[in-house]
Amino acid sequence: MGVEQKLGNMGIVTTTLENVVNWSRTNAMWPMLFGLACCAIEMMAAQAAHFDMSRFGMELMRASPRQSDLMIVAGRVSRKMAPVLRRLYDQMPEPKWVIAMGDCASCSGVFNNYALVQGVDEVVPVDVYLAGCPPRPEALIHSIVTLYEKVKGEKFVEEPVK
């Protein structure tokens, strides 16, 4: 005798609190626009009608860090911009995630000089790296789906008692 036979046709779904919270986090992720170079054009194209990132619940890019939980760093980060990037990351509410979009954000690309940060992971923790120079909008959507899979698998962690 299965659960369906015991409960009948009542439409009851059983799940865990972790699954519900992670599902809501993935379907209400708001990205913060942080376009620094040519990758930003591809990020804007992914938001346009042809690719339509609003099907993922990302209706529009937020300009405020306090309203967003996903930072997409699109382009190369200079040493002067790094403290600003860190400040914006610190102002985002928890939980927060970062996508390094393009070769410049991942490892500074072809610009190997002293003025640029050699990868944005020196400044903020990165969850997903997106390769390409510049990456196509389809690749950005793929990295968002990859981030969704990561978020859906997250577990609640208890803070140690002090």
N, C-alpha and C. Protein backbone atom coordinates (compact mmCIF):
# COMPACT_ATOMS: atom_id res chain seq x y z
N MET A 1 0.86 -1.17 0.00
CA MET A 1 0.00 0.00 0.00
C MET A 1 0.90 1.23 0.00
N GLY A 2 0.77 2.07 -1.03
CA GLY A 2 1.62 3.24 -1.18
C GLY A 2 1.02 4.47 -0.53
N VAL A 3 1.76 5.55 -0.58
CA VAL A 3 1.31 6.81 0.00
C VAL A 3 0.07 7.32 -0.73
N GLU A 4 0.01 7.11 -2.05
CA GLU A 4 -1.14 7.59 -2.82
C GLU A 4 -2.44 6.93 -2.36
N GLN A 5 -2.36 5.66 -2.04
CA GLN A 5 -3.57 4.95 -1.62
C GLN A 5 -4.01 5.37 -0.22
N LYS A 6 -3.06 5.68 0.64
CA LYS A 6 -3.41 6.11 2.01
C LYS A 6 -4.00 7.51 2.02
N LEU A 7 -3.39 8.43 1.26
CA LEU A 7 -3.81 9.82 1.30
C LEU A 7 -4.94 10.14 0.34
N GLY A 8 -5.12 9.33 -0.66
CA GLY A 8 -6.16 9.62 -1.64
C GLY A 8 -5.70 10.67 -2.62
N ASN A 9 -6.63 11.41 -3.17
CA ASN A 9 -6.33 12.45 -4.16
C ASN A 9 -6.43 13.82 -3.50
N MET A 10 -5.65 14.04 -2.44
CA MET A 10 -5.73 15.29 -1.69
C MET A 10 -4.69 16.30 -2.15
N GLY A 11 -3.77 15.90 -3.01
CA GLY A 11 -2.78 16.84 -3.51
C GLY A 11 -1.73 17.22 -2.48
N ILE A 12 -1.39 16.32 -1.61
CA ILE A 12 -0.41 16.60 -0.57
C ILE A 12 0.99 16.28 -1.10
N VAL A 13 1.91 17.18 -0.85
CA VAL A 13 3.29 16.99 -1.27
C VAL A 13 4.15 17.00 -0.01
N THR A 14 5.05 16.06 0.09
CA THR A 14 5.97 16.05 1.22
C THR A 14 7.36 16.38 0.71
N THR A 15 8.05 17.22 1.46
CA THR A 15 9.40 17.63 1.11
C THR A 15 10.09 18.10 2.37
N THR A 16 11.32 18.54 2.24
CA THR A 16 12.05 19.05 3.39
C THR A 16 12.10 20.56 3.33
N LEU A 17 12.38 21.17 4.45
CA LEU A 17 12.50 22.63 4.51
C LEU A 17 13.67 23.11 3.66
N GLU A 18 14.77 22.34 3.64
CA GLU A 18 15.92 22.70 2.80
C GLU A 18 15.53 22.78 1.34
N ASN A 19 14.76 21.80 0.85
CA ASN A 19 14.35 21.81 -0.56
C ASN A 19 13.47 23.00 -0.88
N VAL A 20 12.57 23.36 0.00
CA VAL A 20 11.67 24.50 -0.24
C VAL A 20 12.46 25.80 -0.24
N VAL A 21 13.36 25.97 0.71
CA VAL A 21 14.15 27.20 0.79
C VAL A 21 15.07 27.32 -0.41
N ASN A 22 15.74 26.24 -0.79
CA ASN A 22 16.64 26.30 -1.95
C ASN A 22 15.87 26.52 -3.24
N TRP A 23 14.68 25.93 -3.36
CA TRP A 23 13.83 26.17 -4.54
C TRP A 23 13.44 27.65 -4.61
N SER A 24 13.08 28.23 -3.48
CA SER A 24 12.68 29.65 -3.50
C SER A 24 13.88 30.55 -3.77
N ARG A 25 15.05 30.17 -3.31
CA ARG A 25 16.25 30.97 -3.59
C ARG A 25 16.59 30.96 -5.07
N THR A 26 16.44 29.83 -5.72
CA THR A 26 16.78 29.77 -7.14
C THR A 26 15.75 30.49 -7.99
N ASN A 27 14.50 30.45 -7.61
CA ASN A 27 13.46 31.07 -8.44
C ASN A 27 13.24 32.54 -8.13
N ALA A 28 13.98 33.09 -7.21
CA ALA A 28 13.86 34.51 -6.90
C ALA A 28 15.23 35.16 -6.80
N MET A 29 16.16 34.73 -7.63
CA MET A 29 17.51 35.27 -7.61
C MET A 29 17.54 36.58 -8.39
N TRP A 30 18.04 37.63 -7.76
CA TRP A 30 18.10 38.94 -8.41
C TRP A 30 19.56 39.31 -8.65
N PRO A 31 19.95 39.44 -9.91
CA PRO A 31 21.35 39.78 -10.20
C PRO A 31 21.62 41.28 -10.09
N MET A 32 22.84 41.59 -9.69
CA MET A 32 23.29 42.98 -9.65
C MET A 32 24.17 43.20 -10.87
N LEU A 33 23.89 44.24 -11.62
CA LEU A 33 24.70 44.50 -12.79
C LEU A 33 26.02 45.11 -12.37
N PHE A 34 27.08 44.51 -12.85
CA PHE A 34 28.43 45.00 -12.59
C PHE A 34 29.24 44.78 -13.85
N GLY A 35 28.86 45.50 -14.90
CA GLY A 35 29.52 45.36 -16.19
C GLY A 35 30.69 46.31 -16.30
N LEU A 36 31.87 45.78 -16.57
CA LEU A 36 33.08 46.59 -16.63
C LEU A 36 33.70 46.66 -18.02
N ALA A 37 33.33 45.78 -18.92
CA ALA A 37 33.95 45.76 -20.24
C ALA A 37 32.98 45.16 -21.24
N CYS A 38 33.52 44.59 -22.31
CA CYS A 38 32.70 44.08 -23.41
C CYS A 38 31.78 42.93 -22.99
N CYS A 39 32.10 42.23 -21.92
CA CYS A 39 31.22 41.16 -21.44
C CYS A 39 29.87 41.71 -21.00
N ALA A 40 29.84 42.97 -20.62
CA ALA A 40 28.58 43.57 -20.18
C ALA A 40 27.57 43.64 -21.32
N ILE A 41 28.04 43.80 -22.55
CA ILE A 41 27.13 43.82 -23.70
C ILE A 41 26.46 42.46 -23.85
N GLU A 42 27.22 41.39 -23.68
CA GLU A 42 26.65 40.05 -23.75
C GLU A 42 25.70 39.79 -22.60
N MET A 43 25.99 40.35 -21.43
CA MET A 43 25.09 40.22 -20.29
C MET A 43 23.78 40.93 -20.57
N MET A 44 23.85 42.09 -21.20
CA MET A 44 22.62 42.81 -21.58
C MET A 44 21.84 42.05 -22.64
N ALA A 45 22.55 41.41 -23.56
CA ALA A 45 21.88 40.63 -24.59
C ALA A 45 21.16 39.43 -23.99
N ALA A 46 21.72 38.84 -22.94
CA ALA A 46 21.06 37.72 -22.28
C ALA A 46 19.78 38.16 -21.59
N GLN A 47 19.69 39.41 -21.23
CA GLN A 47 18.49 39.95 -20.59
C GLN A 47 17.42 40.33 -21.62
N ALA A 48 17.80 40.48 -22.86
CA ALA A 48 16.88 40.92 -23.91
C ALA A 48 15.90 39.81 -24.28
N ALA A 49 15.00 40.12 -25.19
CA ALA A 49 13.87 39.24 -25.51
C ALA A 49 14.30 37.92 -26.15
N HIS A 50 15.38 37.91 -26.93
CA HIS A 50 15.76 36.69 -27.63
C HIS A 50 16.19 35.57 -26.67
N PHE A 51 16.89 35.93 -25.59
CA PHE A 51 17.36 34.93 -24.63
C PHE A 51 16.50 34.91 -23.37
N ASP A 52 15.99 36.05 -22.92
CA ASP A 52 14.95 36.17 -21.90
C ASP A 52 15.31 35.50 -20.58
N MET A 53 16.17 36.15 -19.82
CA MET A 53 16.52 35.62 -18.50
C MET A 53 15.38 35.77 -17.50
N SER A 54 14.30 36.45 -17.86
CA SER A 54 13.19 36.59 -16.93
C SER A 54 12.46 35.27 -16.72
N ARG A 55 12.70 34.28 -17.57
CA ARG A 55 12.11 32.96 -17.32
C ARG A 55 12.73 32.29 -16.11
N PHE A 56 13.86 32.83 -15.63
CA PHE A 56 14.50 32.33 -14.42
C PHE A 56 14.15 33.17 -13.20
N GLY A 57 13.22 34.09 -13.33
CA GLY A 57 12.85 34.95 -12.22
C GLY A 57 13.71 36.20 -12.13
N MET A 58 14.55 36.46 -13.12
CA MET A 58 15.43 37.63 -13.13
C MET A 58 14.82 38.68 -14.04
N GLU A 59 13.79 39.33 -13.57
CA GLU A 59 13.07 40.29 -14.41
C GLU A 59 13.94 41.46 -14.83
N LEU A 60 14.73 41.98 -13.91
CA LEU A 60 15.62 43.08 -14.26
C LEU A 60 16.84 43.05 -13.37
N MET A 61 17.90 43.63 -13.88
CA MET A 61 19.14 43.71 -13.12
C MET A 61 19.02 44.83 -12.09
N ARG A 62 19.45 44.55 -10.91
CA ARG A 62 19.39 45.54 -9.83
C ARG A 62 20.65 46.39 -9.86
N ALA A 63 20.49 47.66 -9.56
CA ALA A 63 21.65 48.55 -9.46
C ALA A 63 22.09 48.71 -8.01
N SER A 64 21.26 48.25 -7.09
CA SER A 64 21.57 48.37 -5.68
C SER A 64 22.03 47.02 -5.12
N PRO A 65 23.13 46.99 -4.39
CA PRO A 65 23.58 45.71 -3.81
C PRO A 65 22.65 45.20 -2.72
N ARG A 66 21.88 46.06 -2.11
CA ARG A 66 21.00 45.64 -1.02
C ARG A 66 19.74 44.95 -1.52
N GLN A 67 19.51 44.99 -2.81
CA GLN A 67 18.34 44.32 -3.38
C GLN A 67 18.71 43.11 -4.21
N SER A 68 19.97 42.72 -4.21
CA SER A 68 20.40 41.63 -5.09
C SER A 68 21.14 40.57 -4.29
N ASP A 69 21.14 39.36 -4.84
CA ASP A 69 21.86 38.27 -4.19
C ASP A 69 22.79 37.53 -5.15
N LEU A 70 22.87 37.98 -6.38
CA LEU A 70 23.79 37.40 -7.36
C LEU A 70 24.58 38.54 -8.01
N MET A 71 25.89 38.47 -7.91
CA MET A 71 26.76 39.46 -8.55
C MET A 71 27.38 38.81 -9.78
N ILE A 72 27.13 39.40 -10.94
CA ILE A 72 27.76 38.93 -12.17
C ILE A 72 28.84 39.93 -12.52
N VAL A 73 30.10 39.56 -12.30
CA VAL A 73 31.22 40.44 -12.61
C VAL A 73 31.57 40.19 -14.07
N ALA A 74 31.25 41.15 -14.92
CA ALA A 74 31.43 41.00 -16.36
C ALA A 74 32.54 41.94 -16.83
N GLY A 75 33.74 41.40 -16.96
CA GLY A 75 34.85 42.21 -17.47
C GLY A 75 36.03 42.23 -16.53
N ARG A 76 37.04 42.99 -16.95
CA ARG A 76 38.27 43.05 -16.17
C ARG A 76 38.12 44.02 -15.00
N VAL A 77 38.76 43.68 -13.90
CA VAL A 77 38.69 44.48 -12.68
C VAL A 77 40.05 45.11 -12.45
N SER A 78 40.09 46.42 -12.38
CA SER A 78 41.35 47.11 -12.11
C SER A 78 41.61 47.13 -10.60
N ARG A 79 42.84 47.42 -10.25
CA ARG A 79 43.21 47.49 -8.83
C ARG A 79 42.46 48.63 -8.14
N LYS A 80 42.14 49.68 -8.87
CA LYS A 80 41.37 50.78 -8.30
C LYS A 80 39.92 50.39 -8.06
N MET A 81 39.37 49.50 -8.91
CA MET A 81 37.98 49.10 -8.80
C MET A 81 37.78 47.98 -7.77
N ALA A 82 38.83 47.25 -7.42
CA ALA A 82 38.71 46.11 -6.52
C ALA A 82 38.10 46.46 -5.15
N PRO A 83 38.51 47.56 -4.49
CA PRO A 83 37.87 47.88 -3.21
C PRO A 83 36.38 48.22 -3.36
N VAL A 84 36.01 48.82 -4.47
CA VAL A 84 34.60 49.13 -4.72
C VAL A 84 33.80 47.84 -4.91
N LEU A 85 34.38 46.92 -5.66
CA LEU A 85 33.75 45.62 -5.86
C LEU A 85 33.55 44.91 -4.53
N ARG A 86 34.56 44.94 -3.69
CA ARG A 86 34.45 44.28 -2.38
C ARG A 86 33.41 44.95 -1.50
N ARG A 87 33.34 46.27 -1.53
CA ARG A 87 32.35 47.00 -0.73
C ARG A 87 30.94 46.65 -1.17
N LEU A 88 30.73 46.59 -2.49
CA LEU A 88 29.41 46.22 -2.99
C LEU A 88 29.06 44.79 -2.60
N TYR A 89 30.03 43.89 -2.67
CA TYR A 89 29.79 42.51 -2.27
C TYR A 89 29.42 42.42 -0.79
N ASP A 90 30.11 43.18 0.03
CA ASP A 90 29.82 43.16 1.47
C ASP A 90 28.45 43.73 1.80
N GLN A 91 27.92 44.62 0.95
CA GLN A 91 26.61 45.22 1.19
C GLN A 91 25.46 44.31 0.76
N MET A 92 25.76 43.26 0.01
CA MET A 92 24.70 42.34 -0.42
C MET A 92 24.25 41.48 0.75
N PRO A 93 22.96 41.20 0.85
CA PRO A 93 22.48 40.35 1.96
C PRO A 93 22.85 38.88 1.73
N GLU A 94 22.95 38.15 2.82
CA GLU A 94 23.22 36.71 2.73
C GLU A 94 21.94 35.98 2.38
N PRO A 95 21.96 34.89 1.69
CA PRO A 95 23.07 34.30 0.96
C PRO A 95 23.33 35.04 -0.33
N LYS A 96 24.56 35.03 -0.77
CA LYS A 96 24.94 35.73 -2.00
C LYS A 96 25.89 34.86 -2.81
N TRP A 97 25.84 35.07 -4.11
CA TRP A 97 26.63 34.27 -5.03
C TRP A 97 27.29 35.18 -6.05
N VAL A 98 28.38 34.68 -6.67
CA VAL A 98 29.14 35.47 -7.65
C VAL A 98 29.41 34.60 -8.87
N ILE A 99 29.19 35.19 -10.05
CA ILE A 99 29.58 34.58 -11.32
C ILE A 99 30.67 35.47 -11.93
N ALA A 100 31.82 34.89 -12.23
CA ALA A 100 32.89 35.60 -12.93
C ALA A 100 32.68 35.38 -14.42
N MET A 101 32.24 36.41 -15.11
CA MET A 101 31.87 36.29 -16.52
C MET A 101 33.01 36.73 -17.42
N GLY A 102 33.51 35.81 -18.21
CA GLY A 102 34.55 36.13 -19.18
C GLY A 102 35.95 35.82 -18.67
N ASP A 103 36.88 35.77 -19.62
CA ASP A 103 38.26 35.46 -19.27
C ASP A 103 38.88 36.57 -18.43
N CYS A 104 38.49 37.81 -18.66
CA CYS A 104 39.08 38.92 -17.90
C CYS A 104 38.71 38.84 -16.42
N ALA A 105 37.47 38.49 -16.12
CA ALA A 105 37.06 38.38 -14.72
C ALA A 105 37.63 37.13 -14.08
N SER A 106 37.84 36.09 -14.87
CA SER A 106 38.34 34.82 -14.31
C SER A 106 39.84 34.86 -14.06
N CYS A 107 40.62 35.36 -15.03
CA CYS A 107 42.08 35.33 -14.88
C CYS A 107 42.75 36.53 -15.56
N SER A 108 42.04 37.58 -15.81
CA SER A 108 42.46 38.83 -16.47
C SER A 108 42.73 38.65 -17.95
N GLY A 109 42.45 37.49 -18.51
CA GLY A 109 42.52 37.29 -19.95
C GLY A 109 43.88 37.60 -20.55
N VAL A 110 43.86 38.36 -21.64
CA VAL A 110 45.11 38.71 -22.31
C VAL A 110 45.79 39.90 -21.66
N PHE A 111 45.13 40.52 -20.69
CA PHE A 111 45.67 41.71 -20.03
C PHE A 111 46.45 41.30 -18.79
N ASN A 112 47.67 40.86 -18.98
CA ASN A 112 48.52 40.42 -17.87
C ASN A 112 49.43 41.57 -17.48
N ASN A 113 48.90 42.52 -16.68
CA ASN A 113 49.72 43.63 -16.24
C ASN A 113 49.42 43.99 -14.79
N TYR A 114 50.18 44.91 -14.26
CA TYR A 114 50.10 45.25 -12.84
C TYR A 114 48.82 46.00 -12.47
N ALA A 115 48.16 46.62 -13.43
CA ALA A 115 47.01 47.47 -13.13
C ALA A 115 45.72 46.67 -12.94
N LEU A 116 45.70 45.40 -13.33
CA LEU A 116 44.48 44.60 -13.26
C LEU A 116 44.62 43.48 -12.24
N VAL A 117 43.50 43.17 -11.63
CA VAL A 117 43.44 42.03 -10.72
C VAL A 117 43.48 40.76 -11.56
N GLN A 118 44.34 39.84 -11.23
CA GLN A 118 44.51 38.61 -12.01
C GLN A 118 43.46 37.58 -11.60
N GLY A 119 42.23 37.93 -11.77
CA GLY A 119 41.11 37.07 -11.38
C GLY A 119 40.34 37.71 -10.25
N VAL A 120 39.04 37.79 -10.42
CA VAL A 120 38.20 38.46 -9.43
C VAL A 120 38.12 37.66 -8.12
N ASP A 121 38.57 36.39 -8.15
CA ASP A 121 38.55 35.60 -6.93
C ASP A 121 39.58 36.07 -5.91
N GLU A 122 40.44 37.00 -6.29
CA GLU A 122 41.33 37.64 -5.32
C GLU A 122 40.57 38.63 -4.45
N VAL A 123 39.40 39.07 -4.91
CA VAL A 123 38.63 40.10 -4.21
C VAL A 123 37.39 39.53 -3.54
N VAL A 124 36.63 38.71 -4.27
CA VAL A 124 35.40 38.11 -3.75
C VAL A 124 35.41 36.61 -4.06
N PRO A 125 34.72 35.81 -3.24
CA PRO A 125 34.64 34.38 -3.57
C PRO A 125 33.74 34.14 -4.77
N VAL A 126 34.19 33.33 -5.70
CA VAL A 126 33.46 33.08 -6.94
C VAL A 126 32.83 31.70 -6.88
N ASP A 127 31.56 31.61 -7.28
CA ASP A 127 30.85 30.34 -7.30
C ASP A 127 30.93 29.65 -8.65
N VAL A 128 30.79 30.42 -9.73
CA VAL A 128 30.81 29.86 -11.08
C VAL A 128 31.71 30.72 -11.96
N TYR A 129 32.62 30.06 -12.69
CA TYR A 129 33.47 30.74 -13.66
C TYR A 129 32.89 30.52 -15.05
N LEU A 130 32.80 31.59 -15.82
CA LEU A 130 32.25 31.53 -17.17
C LEU A 130 33.35 31.90 -18.15
N ALA A 131 33.76 30.95 -18.99
CA ALA A 131 34.85 31.17 -19.92
C ALA A 131 34.36 31.83 -21.20
N GLY A 132 35.28 32.45 -21.91
CA GLY A 132 34.97 33.05 -23.20
C GLY A 132 35.42 34.49 -23.25
N CYS A 133 35.65 34.98 -24.47
CA CYS A 133 36.09 36.36 -24.64
C CYS A 133 35.41 36.95 -25.87
N PRO A 134 34.32 37.60 -25.74
CA PRO A 134 33.37 37.57 -24.62
C PRO A 134 32.50 36.33 -24.71
N PRO A 135 31.99 35.85 -23.59
CA PRO A 135 31.12 34.67 -23.64
C PRO A 135 29.76 35.02 -24.23
N ARG A 136 29.16 34.06 -24.90
CA ARG A 136 27.85 34.26 -25.51
C ARG A 136 26.76 34.30 -24.43
N PRO A 137 25.62 34.91 -24.72
CA PRO A 137 24.52 34.92 -23.76
C PRO A 137 24.07 33.51 -23.36
N GLU A 138 24.16 32.56 -24.29
CA GLU A 138 23.80 31.18 -23.95
C GLU A 138 24.71 30.62 -22.87
N ALA A 139 25.98 31.00 -22.89
CA ALA A 139 26.92 30.54 -21.88
C ALA A 139 26.58 31.15 -20.52
N LEU A 140 26.14 32.40 -20.49
CA LEU A 140 25.72 33.02 -19.24
C LEU A 140 24.50 32.30 -18.68
N ILE A 141 23.57 31.96 -19.53
CA ILE A 141 22.38 31.23 -19.08
C ILE A 141 22.78 29.86 -18.56
N HIS A 142 23.74 29.20 -19.22
CA HIS A 142 24.22 27.92 -18.74
C HIS A 142 24.89 28.05 -17.38
N SER A 143 25.64 29.12 -17.16
CA SER A 143 26.28 29.30 -15.86
C SER A 143 25.25 29.59 -14.77
N ILE A 144 24.16 30.26 -15.12
CA ILE A 144 23.10 30.49 -14.14
C ILE A 144 22.41 29.18 -13.78
N VAL A 145 22.19 28.32 -14.77
CA VAL A 145 21.61 27.01 -14.49
C VAL A 145 22.57 26.18 -13.63
N THR A 146 23.87 26.29 -13.89
CA THR A 146 24.87 25.60 -13.07
C THR A 146 24.83 26.11 -11.64
N LEU A 147 24.69 27.42 -11.46
CA LEU A 147 24.58 27.99 -10.12
C LEU A 147 23.29 27.51 -9.44
N TYR A 148 22.21 27.40 -10.20
CA TYR A 148 20.95 26.88 -9.64
C TYR A 148 21.15 25.48 -9.08
N GLU A 149 21.84 24.64 -9.82
CA GLU A 149 22.08 23.27 -9.35
C GLU A 149 22.92 23.28 -8.08
N LYS A 150 23.86 24.20 -7.99
CA LYS A 150 24.68 24.31 -6.79
C LYS A 150 23.83 24.77 -5.61
N VAL A 151 22.97 25.74 -5.82
CA VAL A 151 22.14 26.27 -4.74
C VAL A 151 21.12 25.23 -4.29
N LYS A 152 20.56 24.47 -5.23
CA LYS A 152 19.58 23.44 -4.86
C LYS A 152 20.19 22.35 -3.99
N GLY A 153 21.48 22.15 -4.08
CA GLY A 153 22.15 21.13 -3.28
C GLY A 153 22.72 21.63 -1.97
N GLU A 154 22.54 22.92 -1.65
CA GLU A 154 23.09 23.46 -0.41
C GLU A 154 22.37 22.90 0.80
N LYS A 155 23.11 22.73 1.88
CA LYS A 155 22.57 22.21 3.14
C LYS A 155 22.61 23.31 4.20
N PHE A 156 21.67 23.24 5.12
CA PHE A 156 21.69 24.16 6.24
C PHE A 156 22.82 23.77 7.17
N VAL A 157 23.53 24.75 7.65
CA VAL A 157 24.64 24.50 8.55
C VAL A 157 24.36 25.25 9.86
N GLU A 158 24.46 24.52 10.96
CA GLU A 158 24.26 25.18 12.24
C GLU A 158 25.52 25.93 12.62
N GLU A 159 25.32 27.13 13.17
CA GLU A 159 26.43 27.92 13.65
C GLU A 159 26.90 27.34 14.98
N PRO A 160 28.20 27.26 15.20
CA PRO A 160 28.66 26.74 16.50
C PRO A 160 28.30 27.70 17.64
N VAL A 161 27.92 27.13 18.76
CA VAL A 161 27.55 27.94 19.93
C VAL A 161 28.82 28.45 20.59
N LYS A 162 28.82 29.76 20.86
CA LYS A 162 30.03 30.37 21.45
C LYS A 162 29.85 30.56 22.93
